Amino acid sequence: MKPLIANRFHDSLWTDVLLRSQALPALPAGVLLHAGSPLTNAIAIPAAIRQAAMEALLFEGWAENHEAAAQLFDQVRSYSAFACSDNPSAFQ
């Protein structure tokens, strides 16, 4: 039996991917958002969101490797601007 996921997505490619600064130029530098409810507990950030944020840090060029991205994420994840997108004053 062939793996279902490998067969279904074997030729999938991302297209039209933009840097955050290109897609949302009005968003202050250094701010990442995620598609979900606000994160109010920085300690309990799900692994999938943490990994996606680290990949975004790499894609944006804010970290040079996964280790640096993890360190950067761990330094800033307790700030409300990163962890809670429903706080407008955090983005000013």
N, C-alpha and C. Protein backbone atom coordinates (compact mmCIF):
# COMPACT_ATOMS: atom_id res chain seq x y z
N MET A 1 0.84 -1.18 0.00
CA MET A 1 0.00 0.00 0.00
C MET A 1 0.89 1.25 0.00
N LYS A 2 0.59 2.21 -0.87
CA LYS A 2 1.38 3.43 -0.97
C LYS A 2 0.95 4.44 0.09
N PRO A 3 1.91 5.22 0.61
CA PRO A 3 1.54 6.25 1.59
C PRO A 3 0.61 7.29 0.96
N LEU A 4 -0.51 7.55 1.59
CA LEU A 4 -1.52 8.47 1.06
C LEU A 4 -0.98 9.89 0.96
N ILE A 5 -0.31 10.38 1.99
CA ILE A 5 0.16 11.76 1.99
C ILE A 5 1.22 11.97 0.92
N ALA A 6 2.16 11.08 0.82
CA ALA A 6 3.22 11.23 -0.17
C ALA A 6 2.65 11.27 -1.58
N ASN A 7 1.67 10.46 -1.86
CA ASN A 7 1.07 10.45 -3.19
C ASN A 7 0.26 11.71 -3.45
N ARG A 8 -0.48 12.16 -2.47
CA ARG A 8 -1.36 13.29 -2.66
C ARG A 8 -0.60 14.60 -2.85
N PHE A 9 0.51 14.78 -2.16
CA PHE A 9 1.20 16.06 -2.16
C PHE A 9 2.60 16.01 -2.78
N HIS A 10 2.93 14.97 -3.50
CA HIS A 10 4.30 14.80 -3.98
C HIS A 10 4.74 15.91 -4.94
N ASP A 11 3.81 16.55 -5.64
CA ASP A 11 4.21 17.60 -6.57
C ASP A 11 3.71 18.99 -6.17
N SER A 12 3.31 19.13 -4.91
CA SER A 12 2.81 20.43 -4.43
C SER A 12 3.95 21.41 -4.21
N LEU A 13 3.72 22.65 -4.57
CA LEU A 13 4.70 23.71 -4.39
C LEU A 13 4.02 24.96 -3.86
N TRP A 14 4.71 25.71 -3.02
CA TRP A 14 4.23 27.02 -2.59
C TRP A 14 4.48 27.99 -3.73
N THR A 15 3.51 28.86 -4.00
CA THR A 15 3.70 29.90 -5.01
C THR A 15 3.27 31.24 -4.44
N ASP A 16 3.81 32.30 -5.00
CA ASP A 16 3.44 33.67 -4.61
C ASP A 16 3.62 33.93 -3.11
N VAL A 17 4.67 33.41 -2.54
CA VAL A 17 4.98 33.62 -1.13
C VAL A 17 5.73 34.95 -1.00
N LEU A 18 5.27 35.80 -0.08
CA LEU A 18 5.88 37.11 0.14
C LEU A 18 6.47 37.20 1.53
N LEU A 19 7.46 38.07 1.68
CA LEU A 19 7.94 38.41 3.01
C LEU A 19 6.83 39.15 3.75
N ARG A 20 6.82 39.05 5.06
CA ARG A 20 5.82 39.73 5.87
C ARG A 20 5.82 41.23 5.59
N SER A 21 6.99 41.81 5.42
CA SER A 21 7.10 43.25 5.16
C SER A 21 6.51 43.63 3.80
N GLN A 22 6.50 42.70 2.85
CA GLN A 22 5.88 42.95 1.55
C GLN A 22 4.37 42.77 1.61
N ALA A 23 3.93 41.75 2.30
CA ALA A 23 2.51 41.45 2.38
C ALA A 23 1.76 42.43 3.27
N LEU A 24 2.39 42.85 4.36
CA LEU A 24 1.77 43.75 5.33
C LEU A 24 2.73 44.88 5.68
N PRO A 25 2.98 45.81 4.77
CA PRO A 25 3.98 46.85 5.01
C PRO A 25 3.66 47.77 6.19
N ALA A 26 2.40 47.90 6.57
CA ALA A 26 2.03 48.77 7.69
C ALA A 26 2.30 48.12 9.05
N LEU A 27 2.51 46.82 9.06
CA LEU A 27 2.79 46.12 10.31
C LEU A 27 4.21 46.45 10.76
N PRO A 28 4.38 46.84 12.01
CA PRO A 28 5.73 47.20 12.48
C PRO A 28 6.74 46.06 12.30
N ALA A 29 7.96 46.41 12.07
CA ALA A 29 9.04 45.42 11.91
C ALA A 29 9.13 44.56 13.17
N GLY A 30 9.42 43.29 12.97
CA GLY A 30 9.61 42.39 14.10
C GLY A 30 8.35 41.76 14.63
N VAL A 31 7.20 42.02 14.00
CA VAL A 31 5.94 41.46 14.47
C VAL A 31 5.52 40.32 13.56
N LEU A 32 5.21 39.18 14.17
CA LEU A 32 4.65 38.04 13.43
C LEU A 32 3.24 37.81 13.95
N LEU A 33 2.36 37.44 13.06
CA LEU A 33 0.99 37.10 13.43
C LEU A 33 0.74 35.64 13.08
N HIS A 34 -0.30 35.08 13.65
CA HIS A 34 -0.67 33.72 13.28
C HIS A 34 -2.17 33.65 13.07
N ALA A 35 -2.61 32.66 12.34
CA ALA A 35 -4.03 32.51 12.02
C ALA A 35 -4.69 31.69 13.12
N GLY A 36 -5.10 32.35 14.14
CA GLY A 36 -5.74 31.66 15.25
C GLY A 36 -6.12 32.64 16.32
N SER A 37 -6.67 32.12 17.39
CA SER A 37 -7.05 33.00 18.49
C SER A 37 -5.80 33.54 19.18
N PRO A 38 -5.94 34.66 19.90
CA PRO A 38 -4.77 35.24 20.59
C PRO A 38 -4.13 34.24 21.56
N LEU A 39 -2.83 34.27 21.63
CA LEU A 39 -2.09 33.42 22.55
C LEU A 39 -1.90 34.19 23.85
N THR A 40 -2.59 33.78 24.88
CA THR A 40 -2.51 34.52 26.14
C THR A 40 -1.55 33.88 27.12
N ASN A 41 -1.12 32.66 26.87
CA ASN A 41 -0.20 31.97 27.76
C ASN A 41 1.03 31.57 26.96
N ALA A 42 2.08 32.37 27.03
CA ALA A 42 3.27 32.14 26.22
C ALA A 42 3.92 30.79 26.51
N ILE A 43 3.74 30.26 27.70
CA ILE A 43 4.36 28.99 28.06
C ILE A 43 3.67 27.83 27.34
N ALA A 44 2.38 27.98 27.07
CA ALA A 44 1.61 26.88 26.48
C ALA A 44 1.40 27.03 24.97
N ILE A 45 2.32 27.68 24.29
CA ILE A 45 2.20 27.82 22.84
C ILE A 45 2.34 26.44 22.21
N PRO A 46 1.36 26.03 21.40
CA PRO A 46 1.43 24.70 20.78
C PRO A 46 2.69 24.54 19.93
N ALA A 47 3.18 23.32 19.88
CA ALA A 47 4.42 23.04 19.14
C ALA A 47 4.31 23.42 17.67
N ALA A 48 3.15 23.21 17.07
CA ALA A 48 2.98 23.54 15.66
C ALA A 48 3.10 25.04 15.41
N ILE A 49 2.56 25.85 16.32
CA ILE A 49 2.67 27.31 16.17
C ILE A 49 4.10 27.75 16.42
N ARG A 50 4.75 27.15 17.40
CA ARG A 50 6.16 27.48 17.69
C ARG A 50 7.03 27.16 16.47
N GLN A 51 6.82 25.98 15.87
CA GLN A 51 7.61 25.59 14.71
C GLN A 51 7.34 26.51 13.53
N ALA A 52 6.07 26.85 13.31
CA ALA A 52 5.73 27.75 12.21
C ALA A 52 6.36 29.13 12.41
N ALA A 53 6.35 29.61 13.65
CA ALA A 53 6.97 30.90 13.95
C ALA A 53 8.48 30.85 13.69
N MET A 54 9.11 29.75 14.07
CA MET A 54 10.55 29.63 13.83
C MET A 54 10.84 29.57 12.33
N GLU A 55 10.01 28.89 11.57
CA GLU A 55 10.20 28.85 10.11
C GLU A 55 10.00 30.25 9.52
N ALA A 56 9.05 31.00 10.06
CA ALA A 56 8.84 32.37 9.60
C ALA A 56 10.06 33.24 9.92
N LEU A 57 10.65 33.06 11.09
CA LEU A 57 11.86 33.80 11.46
C LEU A 57 12.98 33.51 10.46
N LEU A 58 13.09 32.26 10.04
CA LEU A 58 14.09 31.89 9.04
C LEU A 58 13.76 32.49 7.68
N PHE A 59 12.52 32.37 7.25
CA PHE A 59 12.11 32.89 5.95
C PHE A 59 12.30 34.39 5.86
N GLU A 60 11.97 35.10 6.95
CA GLU A 60 12.10 36.55 6.98
C GLU A 60 13.55 37.01 7.05
N GLY A 61 14.46 36.07 7.37
CA GLY A 61 15.86 36.43 7.47
C GLY A 61 16.24 36.98 8.83
N TRP A 62 15.38 36.79 9.82
CA TRP A 62 15.64 37.29 11.16
C TRP A 62 16.51 36.32 11.96
N ALA A 63 16.66 35.10 11.47
CA ALA A 63 17.52 34.10 12.09
C ALA A 63 18.22 33.34 10.96
N GLU A 64 19.45 32.92 11.23
CA GLU A 64 20.24 32.25 10.19
C GLU A 64 20.09 30.74 10.17
N ASN A 65 19.63 30.16 11.27
CA ASN A 65 19.45 28.71 11.32
C ASN A 65 18.37 28.39 12.36
N HIS A 66 18.01 27.11 12.45
CA HIS A 66 16.93 26.72 13.37
C HIS A 66 17.28 26.99 14.83
N GLU A 67 18.53 26.80 15.19
CA GLU A 67 18.94 27.05 16.57
C GLU A 67 18.78 28.54 16.91
N ALA A 68 19.21 29.42 16.01
CA ALA A 68 19.07 30.86 16.24
C ALA A 68 17.60 31.26 16.27
N ALA A 69 16.78 30.64 15.42
CA ALA A 69 15.34 30.94 15.41
C ALA A 69 14.70 30.52 16.72
N ALA A 70 15.08 29.36 17.24
CA ALA A 70 14.54 28.89 18.51
C ALA A 70 14.95 29.82 19.65
N GLN A 71 16.19 30.26 19.65
CA GLN A 71 16.65 31.19 20.69
C GLN A 71 15.90 32.51 20.60
N LEU A 72 15.73 33.03 19.40
CA LEU A 72 15.00 34.28 19.23
C LEU A 72 13.55 34.12 19.67
N PHE A 73 12.92 33.04 19.26
CA PHE A 73 11.54 32.78 19.65
C PHE A 73 11.42 32.71 21.17
N ASP A 74 12.33 32.00 21.81
CA ASP A 74 12.28 31.85 23.26
C ASP A 74 12.51 33.17 23.98
N GLN A 75 13.25 34.09 23.37
CA GLN A 75 13.50 35.40 23.97
C GLN A 75 12.27 36.29 23.91
N VAL A 76 11.52 36.23 22.81
CA VAL A 76 10.43 37.19 22.62
C VAL A 76 9.04 36.63 22.87
N ARG A 77 8.90 35.34 23.06
CA ARG A 77 7.55 34.78 23.13
C ARG A 77 6.77 35.23 24.35
N SER A 78 7.42 35.81 25.35
CA SER A 78 6.68 36.26 26.52
C SER A 78 6.14 37.68 26.36
N TYR A 79 6.54 38.38 25.29
CA TYR A 79 6.04 39.73 25.06
C TYR A 79 4.64 39.69 24.50
N SER A 80 3.79 40.57 24.97
CA SER A 80 2.40 40.56 24.53
C SER A 80 2.27 40.87 23.05
N ALA A 81 3.19 41.63 22.46
CA ALA A 81 3.11 41.96 21.04
C ALA A 81 3.24 40.71 20.19
N PHE A 82 4.04 39.77 20.66
CA PHE A 82 4.22 38.53 19.91
C PHE A 82 3.15 37.51 20.28
N ALA A 83 2.84 37.45 21.57
CA ALA A 83 2.00 36.37 22.06
C ALA A 83 0.51 36.69 22.03
N CYS A 84 0.14 37.94 21.88
CA CYS A 84 -1.29 38.27 21.95
C CYS A 84 -1.63 39.36 20.95
N SER A 85 -2.19 38.97 19.83
CA SER A 85 -2.45 39.94 18.76
C SER A 85 -3.67 40.80 18.99
N ASP A 86 -4.41 40.61 20.10
CA ASP A 86 -5.57 41.45 20.34
C ASP A 86 -5.24 42.65 21.23
N ASN A 87 -3.96 42.95 21.40
CA ASN A 87 -3.52 44.08 22.20
C ASN A 87 -2.97 45.15 21.28
N PRO A 88 -3.83 46.06 20.76
CA PRO A 88 -3.38 47.05 19.76
C PRO A 88 -2.22 47.92 20.23
N SER A 89 -2.16 48.24 21.50
CA SER A 89 -1.08 49.11 21.98
C SER A 89 0.28 48.42 21.90
N ALA A 90 0.30 47.11 21.85
CA ALA A 90 1.56 46.38 21.77
C ALA A 90 2.23 46.56 20.42
N PHE A 91 1.48 46.95 19.39
CA PHE A 91 2.03 47.08 18.06
C PHE A 91 2.40 48.52 17.74
N GLN A 92 2.25 49.44 18.66
CA GLN A 92 2.57 50.85 18.38
C GLN A 92 3.97 51.19 18.83
